[in-house]
Amino acid sequence: MPTAPVTARARRSRVRMTRAERREQLIDVARALFAERGLEGTSVEEIAAHAGVSKPVVYEHFGGKEGLYAVVVDREVRTLHDAIRTAITTPRATPRGLIELGTLALLDYIDDHPNGFRILSRDSSATSPEGSFATILSDIGSRVEDLLGDQFTERGFDPDTAPLYSQMLVGLVALAGQWWMDTRDELRLPKPVVAAHLVNLAWNGMRNLEVAPTLHVHPRRND
């Protein structure tokens, strides 16, 4: 969606705001700019101009663009994390149901917060390493690991491999989700269709796991 002209935003911003309202406005403006240009490509001058305020207002609220960026990242991290955590802890859901719910939760976040997802998947660790996209996925993978561990034990698989499979599952969905966001206007694949295909690969792949898999080709060297 195209951003409104600076003059229009500036005109709206001349309406007196409370401190809390101004803070929220700056966060919204900065989120769009950071998503488009990244942290390094965005200046305090641009943020202030798009918000219709002077540079000191940005510094007063956040201390600079790094502080503002950290707030934006923290909000997106919490939004994504809470959505997926809620999905994969749904009571009485089947294992396949949890995969479906987790997949839809990520795709819903991409759909509803495209700017936030662009920020997280690109360079969110620049000012907040604990909030990097890889860290978020790793944490989600740890939660999925608990679910897989029980399933592996029941089916006679080595439970020690559950962490590996959980990270693969989460990475599969996350990278496919990023691809969908970048290509959906061109390919026009509806979100439920993308989710169904992701679950098809993940679920049916998990159902047909070999207990002791081996390579069918010879590696060039033993590592």
N, C-alpha and C. Protein backbone atom coordinates (compact mmCIF):
# COMPACT_ATOMS: atom_id res chain seq x y z
N MET A 1 0.85 -1.19 0.00
CA MET A 1 0.00 0.00 0.00
C MET A 1 0.88 1.23 0.00
N PRO A 2 0.69 2.21 -0.94
CA PRO A 2 1.56 3.37 -1.00
C PRO A 2 1.39 4.24 0.22
N THR A 3 2.49 4.86 0.66
CA THR A 3 2.43 5.73 1.82
C THR A 3 1.86 7.07 1.41
N ALA A 4 1.23 7.74 2.37
CA ALA A 4 0.63 9.04 2.08
C ALA A 4 1.73 10.07 1.86
N PRO A 5 1.49 11.09 1.04
CA PRO A 5 2.50 12.12 0.83
C PRO A 5 2.91 12.76 2.14
N VAL A 6 4.16 13.20 2.19
CA VAL A 6 4.66 13.80 3.42
C VAL A 6 3.81 14.98 3.84
N THR A 7 3.39 15.81 2.86
CA THR A 7 2.61 16.99 3.21
C THR A 7 1.29 16.62 3.87
N ALA A 8 0.66 15.55 3.39
CA ALA A 8 -0.61 15.12 3.98
C ALA A 8 -0.40 14.63 5.40
N ARG A 9 0.65 13.82 5.61
CA ARG A 9 0.93 13.34 6.96
C ARG A 9 1.28 14.48 7.88
N ALA A 10 2.07 15.44 7.34
CA ALA A 10 2.47 16.58 8.16
C ALA A 10 1.26 17.40 8.56
N ARG A 11 0.30 17.55 7.62
CA ARG A 11 -0.89 18.32 7.91
C ARG A 11 -1.69 17.67 9.04
N ARG A 12 -1.82 16.32 8.94
CA ARG A 12 -2.57 15.62 9.99
C ARG A 12 -1.86 15.72 11.34
N SER A 13 -0.52 15.68 11.28
CA SER A 13 0.23 15.64 12.53
C SER A 13 0.18 16.97 13.28
N ARG A 14 -0.24 18.09 12.60
CA ARG A 14 -0.31 19.38 13.27
C ARG A 14 -1.45 19.41 14.27
N VAL A 15 -2.38 18.46 14.16
CA VAL A 15 -3.40 18.33 15.19
C VAL A 15 -2.71 17.94 16.49
N ARG A 16 -3.00 18.65 17.54
CA ARG A 16 -2.31 18.41 18.81
C ARG A 16 -2.56 16.97 19.28
N MET A 17 -1.48 16.30 19.63
CA MET A 17 -1.55 14.92 20.12
C MET A 17 -1.07 14.87 21.56
N THR A 18 -1.56 13.87 22.28
CA THR A 18 -0.98 13.61 23.60
C THR A 18 0.40 13.00 23.39
N ARG A 19 1.16 12.93 24.44
CA ARG A 19 2.50 12.36 24.34
C ARG A 19 2.42 10.90 23.88
N ALA A 20 1.45 10.16 24.41
CA ALA A 20 1.30 8.75 24.03
C ALA A 20 0.91 8.62 22.57
N GLU A 21 0.00 9.50 22.11
CA GLU A 21 -0.43 9.46 20.72
C GLU A 21 0.73 9.79 19.78
N ARG A 22 1.55 10.78 20.15
CA ARG A 22 2.70 11.13 19.32
C ARG A 22 3.70 9.98 19.26
N ARG A 23 3.89 9.33 20.37
CA ARG A 23 4.81 8.19 20.40
C ARG A 23 4.33 7.09 19.45
N GLU A 24 3.03 6.79 19.49
CA GLU A 24 2.49 5.76 18.61
C GLU A 24 2.61 6.17 17.15
N GLN A 25 2.40 7.46 16.87
CA GLN A 25 2.52 7.93 15.50
C GLN A 25 3.95 7.75 14.99
N LEU A 26 4.92 8.10 15.81
CA LEU A 26 6.32 7.96 15.40
C LEU A 26 6.68 6.49 15.17
N ILE A 27 6.15 5.61 15.99
CA ILE A 27 6.41 4.18 15.81
C ILE A 27 5.83 3.69 14.49
N ASP A 28 4.60 4.11 14.19
CA ASP A 28 3.96 3.70 12.93
C ASP A 28 4.73 4.21 11.72
N VAL A 29 5.13 5.47 11.77
CA VAL A 29 5.88 6.07 10.65
C VAL A 29 7.21 5.37 10.48
N ALA A 30 7.91 5.16 11.59
CA ALA A 30 9.23 4.55 11.52
C ALA A 30 9.17 3.10 11.04
N ARG A 31 8.13 2.38 11.45
CA ARG A 31 8.00 0.99 11.01
C ARG A 31 7.97 0.89 9.49
N ALA A 32 7.19 1.74 8.87
CA ALA A 32 7.09 1.72 7.41
C ALA A 32 8.43 2.08 6.76
N LEU A 33 9.12 3.05 7.31
CA LEU A 33 10.41 3.47 6.75
C LEU A 33 11.47 2.40 6.95
N PHE A 34 11.53 1.82 8.14
CA PHE A 34 12.51 0.77 8.40
C PHE A 34 12.27 -0.45 7.51
N ALA A 35 11.01 -0.76 7.28
CA ALA A 35 10.69 -1.92 6.43
C ALA A 35 11.14 -1.67 5.00
N GLU A 36 11.02 -0.44 4.54
CA GLU A 36 11.38 -0.12 3.16
C GLU A 36 12.88 0.07 2.97
N ARG A 37 13.53 0.70 3.95
CA ARG A 37 14.92 1.12 3.75
C ARG A 37 15.92 0.51 4.72
N GLY A 38 15.45 -0.15 5.76
CA GLY A 38 16.35 -0.69 6.75
C GLY A 38 16.79 0.36 7.75
N LEU A 39 17.48 -0.07 8.79
CA LEU A 39 17.94 0.86 9.83
C LEU A 39 18.94 1.86 9.27
N GLU A 40 19.94 1.36 8.58
CA GLU A 40 20.99 2.24 8.09
C GLU A 40 20.50 3.20 7.02
N GLY A 41 19.49 2.78 6.27
CA GLY A 41 19.00 3.62 5.18
C GLY A 41 17.96 4.64 5.60
N THR A 42 17.63 4.67 6.88
CA THR A 42 16.62 5.60 7.39
C THR A 42 17.28 6.61 8.32
N SER A 43 16.93 7.85 8.18
CA SER A 43 17.50 8.91 9.02
C SER A 43 16.44 9.49 9.95
N VAL A 44 16.91 10.13 11.01
CA VAL A 44 15.99 10.81 11.92
C VAL A 44 15.25 11.92 11.18
N GLU A 45 15.95 12.59 10.25
CA GLU A 45 15.32 13.65 9.47
C GLU A 45 14.10 13.11 8.70
N GLU A 46 14.26 11.94 8.09
CA GLU A 46 13.15 11.36 7.33
C GLU A 46 11.99 10.98 8.23
N ILE A 47 12.30 10.39 9.37
CA ILE A 47 11.24 10.01 10.31
C ILE A 47 10.47 11.25 10.75
N ALA A 48 11.20 12.30 11.11
CA ALA A 48 10.56 13.53 11.56
C ALA A 48 9.72 14.16 10.45
N ALA A 49 10.27 14.17 9.23
CA ALA A 49 9.55 14.77 8.11
C ALA A 49 8.26 14.02 7.81
N HIS A 50 8.32 12.70 7.80
CA HIS A 50 7.13 11.90 7.52
C HIS A 50 6.09 12.02 8.62
N ALA A 51 6.54 12.31 9.84
CA ALA A 51 5.60 12.48 10.96
C ALA A 51 5.14 13.93 11.10
N GLY A 52 5.80 14.83 10.37
CA GLY A 52 5.42 16.23 10.45
C GLY A 52 5.85 16.90 11.74
N VAL A 53 6.99 16.46 12.29
CA VAL A 53 7.50 17.04 13.54
C VAL A 53 8.96 17.42 13.33
N SER A 54 9.55 18.05 14.31
CA SER A 54 10.95 18.40 14.25
C SER A 54 11.80 17.24 14.79
N LYS A 55 13.07 17.21 14.41
CA LYS A 55 13.97 16.14 14.88
C LYS A 55 14.02 16.02 16.40
N PRO A 56 14.04 17.14 17.15
CA PRO A 56 14.09 17.00 18.61
C PRO A 56 12.95 16.19 19.20
N VAL A 57 11.80 16.18 18.53
CA VAL A 57 10.67 15.39 19.04
C VAL A 57 11.01 13.90 19.02
N VAL A 58 11.67 13.45 17.94
CA VAL A 58 12.08 12.05 17.84
C VAL A 58 13.08 11.72 18.94
N TYR A 59 14.07 12.60 19.12
CA TYR A 59 15.07 12.37 20.17
C TYR A 59 14.45 12.39 21.55
N GLU A 60 13.47 13.26 21.75
CA GLU A 60 12.82 13.35 23.06
C GLU A 60 12.11 12.04 23.43
N HIS A 61 11.48 11.42 22.45
CA HIS A 61 10.72 10.20 22.73
C HIS A 61 11.60 8.95 22.78
N PHE A 62 12.62 8.88 21.92
CA PHE A 62 13.35 7.62 21.76
C PHE A 62 14.86 7.74 21.85
N GLY A 63 15.38 8.96 21.95
CA GLY A 63 16.83 9.13 22.05
C GLY A 63 17.55 9.03 20.73
N GLY A 64 16.85 8.73 19.66
CA GLY A 64 17.46 8.59 18.34
C GLY A 64 16.81 7.46 17.56
N LYS A 65 17.27 7.25 16.33
CA LYS A 65 16.62 6.23 15.50
C LYS A 65 16.89 4.82 16.01
N GLU A 66 18.05 4.60 16.66
CA GLU A 66 18.33 3.26 17.19
C GLU A 66 17.34 2.89 18.29
N GLY A 67 17.04 3.86 19.16
CA GLY A 67 16.07 3.59 20.21
C GLY A 67 14.69 3.34 19.66
N LEU A 68 14.32 4.10 18.65
CA LEU A 68 13.02 3.90 18.00
C LEU A 68 12.96 2.56 17.30
N TYR A 69 14.06 2.19 16.64
CA TYR A 69 14.13 0.90 15.95
C TYR A 69 13.98 -0.25 16.93
N ALA A 70 14.63 -0.12 18.08
CA ALA A 70 14.55 -1.18 19.10
C ALA A 70 13.12 -1.37 19.59
N VAL A 71 12.38 -0.27 19.74
CA VAL A 71 10.98 -0.36 20.17
C VAL A 71 10.15 -1.05 19.11
N VAL A 72 10.36 -0.69 17.84
CA VAL A 72 9.61 -1.32 16.75
C VAL A 72 9.87 -2.82 16.72
N VAL A 73 11.15 -3.20 16.81
CA VAL A 73 11.51 -4.62 16.77
C VAL A 73 10.90 -5.36 17.94
N ASP A 74 10.98 -4.77 19.12
CA ASP A 74 10.44 -5.44 20.32
C ASP A 74 8.95 -5.70 20.17
N ARG A 75 8.22 -4.76 19.63
CA ARG A 75 6.78 -4.94 19.44
C ARG A 75 6.49 -6.06 18.45
N GLU A 76 7.24 -6.09 17.36
CA GLU A 76 7.01 -7.12 16.35
C GLU A 76 7.38 -8.50 16.89
N VAL A 77 8.46 -8.57 17.64
CA VAL A 77 8.87 -9.84 18.24
C VAL A 77 7.77 -10.37 19.13
N ARG A 78 7.24 -9.51 19.99
CA ARG A 78 6.20 -9.96 20.92
C ARG A 78 4.92 -10.36 20.18
N THR A 79 4.57 -9.61 19.15
CA THR A 79 3.36 -9.93 18.39
C THR A 79 3.48 -11.29 17.72
N LEU A 80 4.60 -11.53 17.04
CA LEU A 80 4.80 -12.80 16.35
C LEU A 80 4.92 -13.95 17.33
N HIS A 81 5.71 -13.76 18.36
CA HIS A 81 5.93 -14.82 19.33
C HIS A 81 4.63 -15.22 20.02
N ASP A 82 3.85 -14.24 20.45
CA ASP A 82 2.59 -14.53 21.14
C ASP A 82 1.60 -15.25 20.23
N ALA A 83 1.56 -14.85 18.95
CA ALA A 83 0.62 -15.47 18.02
C ALA A 83 0.95 -16.95 17.81
N ILE A 84 2.22 -17.26 17.62
CA ILE A 84 2.60 -18.65 17.37
C ILE A 84 2.51 -19.47 18.65
N ARG A 85 2.91 -18.88 19.76
CA ARG A 85 2.82 -19.61 21.03
C ARG A 85 1.38 -19.99 21.33
N THR A 86 0.45 -19.06 21.10
CA THR A 86 -0.96 -19.35 21.33
C THR A 86 -1.43 -20.47 20.41
N ALA A 87 -0.98 -20.42 19.16
CA ALA A 87 -1.43 -21.41 18.18
C ALA A 87 -0.96 -22.82 18.54
N ILE A 88 0.32 -22.95 18.91
CA ILE A 88 0.87 -24.30 19.11
C ILE A 88 0.65 -24.82 20.52
N THR A 89 -0.06 -24.07 21.34
CA THR A 89 -0.43 -24.57 22.67
C THR A 89 -1.95 -24.68 22.80
N THR A 90 -2.63 -24.75 21.66
CA THR A 90 -4.09 -24.89 21.68
C THR A 90 -4.48 -26.21 22.34
N PRO A 91 -5.32 -26.18 23.37
CA PRO A 91 -5.69 -27.43 24.07
C PRO A 91 -6.43 -28.40 23.15
N ARG A 92 -6.13 -29.66 23.34
CA ARG A 92 -6.83 -30.76 22.67
C ARG A 92 -6.63 -30.79 21.15
N ALA A 93 -5.72 -30.02 20.63
CA ALA A 93 -5.44 -30.09 19.18
C ALA A 93 -4.60 -31.32 18.88
N THR A 94 -4.83 -31.93 17.73
CA THR A 94 -4.03 -33.07 17.30
C THR A 94 -2.65 -32.58 16.86
N PRO A 95 -1.66 -33.49 16.76
CA PRO A 95 -0.34 -33.06 16.27
C PRO A 95 -0.42 -32.37 14.91
N ARG A 96 -1.20 -32.93 13.98
CA ARG A 96 -1.35 -32.27 12.68
C ARG A 96 -2.05 -30.92 12.85
N GLY A 97 -3.04 -30.88 13.73
CA GLY A 97 -3.74 -29.63 13.97
C GLY A 97 -2.81 -28.54 14.48
N LEU A 98 -1.86 -28.91 15.34
CA LEU A 98 -0.91 -27.93 15.86
C LEU A 98 0.00 -27.40 14.76
N ILE A 99 0.42 -28.29 13.85
CA ILE A 99 1.23 -27.84 12.71
C ILE A 99 0.43 -26.88 11.84
N GLU A 100 -0.84 -27.22 11.60
CA GLU A 100 -1.68 -26.34 10.79
C GLU A 100 -1.87 -24.99 11.47
N LEU A 101 -2.15 -25.01 12.76
CA LEU A 101 -2.38 -23.76 13.49
C LEU A 101 -1.12 -22.90 13.54
N GLY A 102 0.02 -23.54 13.77
CA GLY A 102 1.28 -22.79 13.80
C GLY A 102 1.62 -22.19 12.45
N THR A 103 1.38 -22.95 11.38
CA THR A 103 1.63 -22.46 10.03
C THR A 103 0.73 -21.27 9.71
N LEU A 104 -0.54 -21.40 10.02
CA LEU A 104 -1.48 -20.30 9.77
C LEU A 104 -1.15 -19.08 10.62
N ALA A 105 -0.67 -19.29 11.83
CA ALA A 105 -0.33 -18.15 12.69
C ALA A 105 0.80 -17.33 12.07
N LEU A 106 1.81 -18.02 11.54
CA LEU A 106 2.92 -17.30 10.91
C LEU A 106 2.45 -16.58 9.65
N LEU A 107 1.67 -17.26 8.82
CA LEU A 107 1.18 -16.63 7.59
C LEU A 107 0.22 -15.47 7.90
N ASP A 108 -0.57 -15.62 8.96
CA ASP A 108 -1.44 -14.51 9.37
C ASP A 108 -0.61 -13.30 9.78
N TYR A 109 0.47 -13.55 10.50
CA TYR A 109 1.32 -12.44 10.92
C TYR A 109 1.92 -11.75 9.68
N ILE A 110 2.40 -12.52 8.72
CA ILE A 110 2.96 -11.95 7.50
C ILE A 110 1.91 -11.13 6.77
N ASP A 111 0.70 -11.64 6.73
CA ASP A 111 -0.40 -10.98 6.04
C ASP A 111 -0.80 -9.68 6.74
N ASP A 112 -0.88 -9.73 8.06
CA ASP A 112 -1.36 -8.58 8.83
C ASP A 112 -0.27 -7.57 9.16
N HIS A 113 0.98 -8.03 9.20
CA HIS A 113 2.09 -7.15 9.59
C HIS A 113 3.26 -7.29 8.61
N PRO A 114 3.03 -6.99 7.33
CA PRO A 114 4.10 -7.18 6.34
C PRO A 114 5.34 -6.33 6.63
N ASN A 115 5.14 -5.11 7.10
CA ASN A 115 6.30 -4.27 7.42
C ASN A 115 7.09 -4.85 8.59
N GLY A 116 6.36 -5.32 9.59
CA GLY A 116 7.04 -5.93 10.72
C GLY A 116 7.82 -7.16 10.32
N PHE A 117 7.25 -8.00 9.47
CA PHE A 117 7.94 -9.20 9.04
C PHE A 117 9.19 -8.86 8.23
N ARG A 118 9.09 -7.83 7.39
CA ARG A 118 10.26 -7.42 6.61
C ARG A 118 11.40 -6.98 7.53
N ILE A 119 11.05 -6.27 8.57
CA ILE A 119 12.06 -5.80 9.51
C ILE A 119 12.70 -6.98 10.24
N LEU A 120 11.87 -7.88 10.75
CA LEU A 120 12.40 -9.02 11.51
C LEU A 120 13.25 -9.94 10.65
N SER A 121 12.82 -10.18 9.43
CA SER A 121 13.52 -11.16 8.60
C SER A 121 14.75 -10.57 7.92
N ARG A 122 14.91 -9.24 8.00
CA ARG A 122 16.05 -8.64 7.33
C ARG A 122 17.19 -8.33 8.30
N ASP A 123 16.96 -7.41 9.24
CA ASP A 123 18.09 -6.96 10.06
C ASP A 123 17.69 -6.57 11.46
N SER A 124 16.76 -7.32 12.05
CA SER A 124 16.29 -6.94 13.38
C SER A 124 17.36 -7.05 14.44
N SER A 125 18.41 -7.84 14.20
CA SER A 125 19.44 -8.03 15.21
C SER A 125 20.42 -6.87 15.27
N ALA A 126 20.25 -5.86 14.41
CA ALA A 126 21.22 -4.78 14.35
C ALA A 126 21.35 -4.05 15.68
N THR A 127 20.24 -3.85 16.37
CA THR A 127 20.29 -3.18 17.67
C THR A 127 19.79 -4.07 18.80
N SER A 128 19.25 -5.23 18.48
CA SER A 128 18.68 -6.10 19.50
C SER A 128 18.93 -7.55 19.14
N PRO A 129 20.15 -8.07 19.41
CA PRO A 129 20.47 -9.44 19.03
C PRO A 129 19.50 -10.47 19.55
N GLU A 130 18.96 -10.23 20.76
CA GLU A 130 18.03 -11.20 21.33
C GLU A 130 16.71 -11.19 20.59
N GLY A 131 16.48 -10.18 19.73
CA GLY A 131 15.25 -10.09 18.99
C GLY A 131 15.40 -10.43 17.53
N SER A 132 16.51 -11.06 17.16
CA SER A 132 16.71 -11.38 15.76
C SER A 132 15.71 -12.45 15.31
N PHE A 133 15.45 -12.46 14.01
CA PHE A 133 14.49 -13.41 13.46
C PHE A 133 14.94 -14.84 13.75
N ALA A 134 16.24 -15.10 13.60
CA ALA A 134 16.77 -16.44 13.86
C ALA A 134 16.52 -16.85 15.31
N THR A 135 16.65 -15.89 16.22
CA THR A 135 16.42 -16.20 17.63
C THR A 135 14.96 -16.52 17.89
N ILE A 136 14.08 -15.76 17.24
CA ILE A 136 12.65 -16.03 17.39
C ILE A 136 12.31 -17.43 16.90
N LEU A 137 12.82 -17.77 15.71
CA LEU A 137 12.54 -19.09 15.15
C LEU A 137 13.12 -20.19 16.02
N SER A 138 14.30 -19.94 16.57
CA SER A 138 14.92 -20.95 17.44
C SER A 138 14.07 -21.19 18.68
N ASP A 139 13.50 -20.12 19.23
CA ASP A 139 12.66 -20.26 20.42
C ASP A 139 11.38 -21.02 20.07
N ILE A 140 10.79 -20.71 18.93
CA ILE A 140 9.59 -21.43 18.50
C ILE A 140 9.93 -22.90 18.27
N GLY A 141 11.10 -23.14 17.66
CA GLY A 141 11.54 -24.51 17.44
C GLY A 141 11.67 -25.28 18.74
N SER A 142 12.12 -24.61 19.78
CA SER A 142 12.24 -25.28 21.08
C SER A 142 10.88 -25.71 21.62
N ARG A 143 9.86 -24.92 21.35
CA ARG A 143 8.52 -25.29 21.79
C ARG A 143 7.98 -26.46 20.97
N VAL A 144 8.26 -26.44 19.67
CA VAL A 144 7.84 -27.55 18.81
C VAL A 144 8.59 -28.83 19.21
N GLU A 145 9.81 -28.66 19.66
CA GLU A 145 10.63 -29.81 20.06
C GLU A 145 9.94 -30.66 21.12
N ASP A 146 9.30 -30.01 22.08
CA ASP A 146 8.60 -30.75 23.13
C ASP A 146 7.49 -31.61 22.55
N LEU A 147 6.78 -31.07 21.57
CA LEU A 147 5.71 -31.83 20.93
C LEU A 147 6.26 -33.01 20.16
N LEU A 148 7.34 -32.77 19.41
CA LEU A 148 7.92 -33.84 18.61
C LEU A 148 8.57 -34.91 19.47
N GLY A 149 9.16 -34.50 20.59
CA GLY A 149 9.83 -35.47 21.45
C GLY A 149 8.88 -36.56 21.91
N ASP A 150 7.67 -36.17 22.32
CA ASP A 150 6.69 -37.16 22.76
C ASP A 150 6.28 -38.07 21.60
N GLN A 151 6.07 -37.48 20.43
CA GLN A 151 5.68 -38.26 19.26
C GLN A 151 6.79 -39.24 18.85
N PHE A 152 8.02 -38.80 18.90
CA PHE A 152 9.14 -39.66 18.52
C PHE A 152 9.26 -40.85 19.47
N THR A 153 9.10 -40.59 20.75
CA THR A 153 9.20 -41.67 21.74
C THR A 153 8.10 -42.70 21.50
N GLU A 154 6.89 -42.25 21.24
CA GLU A 154 5.77 -43.15 21.01
C GLU A 154 5.99 -44.02 19.77
N ARG A 155 6.65 -43.47 18.74
CA ARG A 155 6.80 -44.17 17.47
C ARG A 155 8.14 -44.88 17.33
N GLY A 156 8.95 -44.86 18.38
CA GLY A 156 10.19 -45.60 18.35
C GLY A 156 11.35 -44.88 17.69
N PHE A 157 11.24 -43.57 17.48
CA PHE A 157 12.33 -42.80 16.91
C PHE A 157 13.24 -42.28 18.01
N ASP A 158 14.44 -41.93 17.64
CA ASP A 158 15.39 -41.40 18.60
C ASP A 158 14.94 -40.02 19.05
N PRO A 159 14.54 -39.84 20.31
CA PRO A 159 14.07 -38.52 20.77
C PRO A 159 15.16 -37.45 20.74
N ASP A 160 16.42 -37.88 20.70
CA ASP A 160 17.51 -36.91 20.64
C ASP A 160 17.55 -36.15 19.33
N THR A 161 16.85 -36.67 18.31
CA THR A 161 16.82 -35.98 17.02
C THR A 161 15.65 -35.00 16.92
N ALA A 162 14.81 -34.96 17.95
CA ALA A 162 13.65 -34.06 17.91
C ALA A 162 14.06 -32.60 17.74
N PRO A 163 15.13 -32.11 18.40
CA PRO A 163 15.52 -30.70 18.18
C PRO A 163 15.86 -30.41 16.72
N LEU A 164 16.52 -31.34 16.05
CA LEU A 164 16.87 -31.14 14.65
C LEU A 164 15.61 -31.03 13.79
N TYR A 165 14.68 -31.95 13.99
CA TYR A 165 13.46 -31.94 13.19
C TYR A 165 12.59 -30.72 13.49
N SER A 166 12.56 -30.28 14.73
CA SER A 166 11.75 -29.11 15.07
C SER A 166 12.29 -27.86 14.38
N GLN A 167 13.62 -27.71 14.35
CA GLN A 167 14.20 -26.55 13.67
C GLN A 167 13.95 -26.62 12.17
N MET A 168 13.99 -27.82 11.60
CA MET A 168 13.72 -27.97 10.17
C MET A 168 12.28 -27.60 9.85
N LEU A 169 11.35 -28.03 10.69
CA LEU A 169 9.95 -27.72 10.45
C LEU A 169 9.69 -26.21 10.51
N VAL A 170 10.22 -25.57 11.54
CA VAL A 170 10.02 -24.13 11.69
C VAL A 170 10.68 -23.37 10.54
N GLY A 171 11.90 -23.78 10.18
CA GLY A 171 12.58 -23.12 9.08
C GLY A 171 11.85 -23.28 7.77
N LEU A 172 11.29 -24.46 7.54
CA LEU A 172 10.50 -24.72 6.32
C LEU A 172 9.36 -23.72 6.20
N VAL A 173 8.61 -23.56 7.27
CA VAL A 173 7.45 -22.68 7.23
C VAL A 173 7.89 -21.21 7.12
N ALA A 174 8.92 -20.83 7.87
CA ALA A 174 9.35 -19.43 7.87
C ALA A 174 9.89 -19.00 6.51
N LEU A 175 10.74 -19.81 5.90
CA LEU A 175 11.32 -19.43 4.62
C LEU A 175 10.27 -19.45 3.51
N ALA A 176 9.38 -20.44 3.55
CA ALA A 176 8.30 -20.46 2.57
C ALA A 176 7.38 -19.26 2.76
N GLY A 177 7.16 -18.88 4.00
CA GLY A 177 6.34 -17.70 4.27
C GLY A 177 6.97 -16.43 3.73
N GLN A 178 8.29 -16.33 3.87
CA GLN A 178 8.98 -15.16 3.33
C GLN A 178 8.89 -15.13 1.80
N TRP A 179 9.04 -16.29 1.18
CA TRP A 179 8.89 -16.38 -0.28
C TRP A 179 7.49 -15.98 -0.70
N TRP A 180 6.48 -16.45 0.05
CA TRP A 180 5.09 -16.12 -0.29
C TRP A 180 4.84 -14.63 -0.21
N MET A 181 5.38 -13.98 0.80
CA MET A 181 5.20 -12.55 0.94
C MET A 181 5.80 -11.80 -0.25
N ASP A 182 6.96 -12.26 -0.72
CA ASP A 182 7.65 -11.57 -1.81
C ASP A 182 7.02 -11.83 -3.17
N THR A 183 6.28 -12.94 -3.30
CA THR A 183 5.78 -13.32 -4.63
C THR A 183 4.26 -13.37 -4.74
N ARG A 184 3.55 -13.12 -3.66
CA ARG A 184 2.10 -13.37 -3.67
C ARG A 184 1.35 -12.46 -4.63
N ASP A 185 1.84 -11.23 -4.84
CA ASP A 185 1.15 -10.36 -5.79
C ASP A 185 1.27 -10.87 -7.21
N GLU A 186 2.37 -11.55 -7.49
CA GLU A 186 2.59 -12.08 -8.84
C GLU A 186 1.92 -13.43 -9.03
N LEU A 187 2.09 -14.32 -8.05
CA LEU A 187 1.57 -15.69 -8.19
C LEU A 187 0.13 -15.82 -7.70
N ARG A 188 -0.29 -14.95 -6.82
CA ARG A 188 -1.66 -14.94 -6.30
C ARG A 188 -2.06 -16.29 -5.69
N LEU A 189 -1.19 -16.82 -4.87
CA LEU A 189 -1.52 -18.04 -4.13
C LEU A 189 -2.20 -17.64 -2.83
N PRO A 190 -3.45 -18.05 -2.62
CA PRO A 190 -4.15 -17.69 -1.39
C PRO A 190 -3.46 -18.29 -0.16
N LYS A 191 -3.59 -17.60 0.94
CA LYS A 191 -2.94 -18.05 2.17
C LYS A 191 -3.35 -19.46 2.58
N PRO A 192 -4.64 -19.84 2.54
CA PRO A 192 -4.99 -21.22 2.92
C PRO A 192 -4.35 -22.27 2.01
N VAL A 193 -4.16 -21.93 0.74
CA VAL A 193 -3.53 -22.88 -0.19
C VAL A 193 -2.06 -23.05 0.18
N VAL A 194 -1.37 -21.95 0.46
CA VAL A 194 0.03 -22.03 0.87
C VAL A 194 0.15 -22.84 2.15
N ALA A 195 -0.70 -22.56 3.12
CA ALA A 195 -0.66 -23.29 4.39
C ALA A 195 -0.90 -24.78 4.18
N ALA A 196 -1.87 -25.11 3.33
CA ALA A 196 -2.19 -26.52 3.08
C ALA A 196 -1.00 -27.26 2.47
N HIS A 197 -0.31 -26.63 1.53
CA HIS A 197 0.84 -27.28 0.90
C HIS A 197 2.02 -27.41 1.88
N LEU A 198 2.20 -26.41 2.70
CA LEU A 198 3.26 -26.50 3.71
C LEU A 198 2.99 -27.66 4.68
N VAL A 199 1.75 -27.74 5.14
CA VAL A 199 1.40 -28.83 6.06
C VAL A 199 1.48 -30.16 5.35
N ASN A 200 1.11 -30.21 4.09
CA ASN A 200 1.21 -31.45 3.32
C ASN A 200 2.63 -31.99 3.32
N LEU A 201 3.59 -31.10 3.04
CA LEU A 201 4.99 -31.53 3.01
C LEU A 201 5.47 -31.89 4.41
N ALA A 202 5.17 -31.03 5.38
CA ALA A 202 5.66 -31.26 6.73
C ALA A 202 5.04 -32.51 7.36
N TRP A 203 3.72 -32.62 7.29
CA TRP A 203 3.02 -33.72 7.96
C TRP A 203 3.30 -35.06 7.30
N ASN A 204 3.15 -35.11 5.99
CA ASN A 204 3.37 -36.38 5.31
C ASN A 204 4.85 -36.79 5.32
N GLY A 205 5.71 -35.80 5.33
CA GLY A 205 7.13 -36.12 5.49
C GLY A 205 7.40 -36.72 6.85
N MET A 206 6.79 -36.16 7.89
CA MET A 206 6.99 -36.68 9.24
C MET A 206 6.36 -38.06 9.41
N ARG A 207 5.25 -38.30 8.75
CA ARG A 207 4.57 -39.60 8.89
C ARG A 207 5.38 -40.73 8.29
N ASN A 208 6.22 -40.42 7.33
CA ASN A 208 6.97 -41.47 6.62
C ASN A 208 8.46 -41.44 6.95
N LEU A 209 8.78 -40.98 8.12
CA LEU A 209 10.19 -40.94 8.51
C LEU A 209 10.75 -42.35 8.66
N GLU A 210 12.02 -42.51 8.26
CA GLU A 210 12.73 -43.75 8.53
C GLU A 210 13.31 -43.69 9.94
N VAL A 211 13.29 -44.82 10.61
CA VAL A 211 13.80 -44.85 11.98
C VAL A 211 15.30 -44.57 12.01
N ALA A 212 16.03 -45.12 11.06
CA ALA A 212 17.49 -44.92 11.00
C ALA A 212 17.87 -44.52 9.58
N PRO A 213 17.66 -43.28 9.19
CA PRO A 213 17.93 -42.86 7.82
C PRO A 213 19.42 -42.88 7.49
N THR A 214 19.72 -43.20 6.25
CA THR A 214 21.10 -43.15 5.77
C THR A 214 21.11 -42.48 4.41
N LEU A 215 22.26 -41.95 4.03
CA LEU A 215 22.39 -41.33 2.72
C LEU A 215 22.46 -42.39 1.63
N HIS A 216 21.93 -42.07 0.46
CA HIS A 216 21.98 -42.97 -0.68
C HIS A 216 23.12 -42.63 -1.64
N VAL A 217 23.84 -41.57 -1.30
CA VAL A 217 25.03 -41.21 -2.06
C VAL A 217 26.20 -41.19 -1.10
N HIS A 218 27.39 -41.27 -1.62
CA HIS A 218 28.57 -41.29 -0.76
C HIS A 218 29.13 -39.88 -0.61
N PRO A 219 29.27 -39.41 0.61
CA PRO A 219 29.88 -38.09 0.80
C PRO A 219 31.33 -38.10 0.34
N ARG A 220 31.83 -36.94 -0.02
CA ARG A 220 33.20 -36.86 -0.52
C ARG A 220 34.22 -37.14 0.56
N ARG A 221 33.87 -36.82 1.78
CA ARG A 221 34.78 -37.12 2.88
C ARG A 221 33.95 -37.35 4.14
N ASN A 222 34.56 -37.99 5.10
CA ASN A 222 33.88 -38.24 6.36
C ASN A 222 34.13 -37.06 7.30
N ASP A 223 33.05 -36.43 7.74
CA ASP A 223 33.17 -35.30 8.67
C ASP A 223 32.89 -35.76 10.09
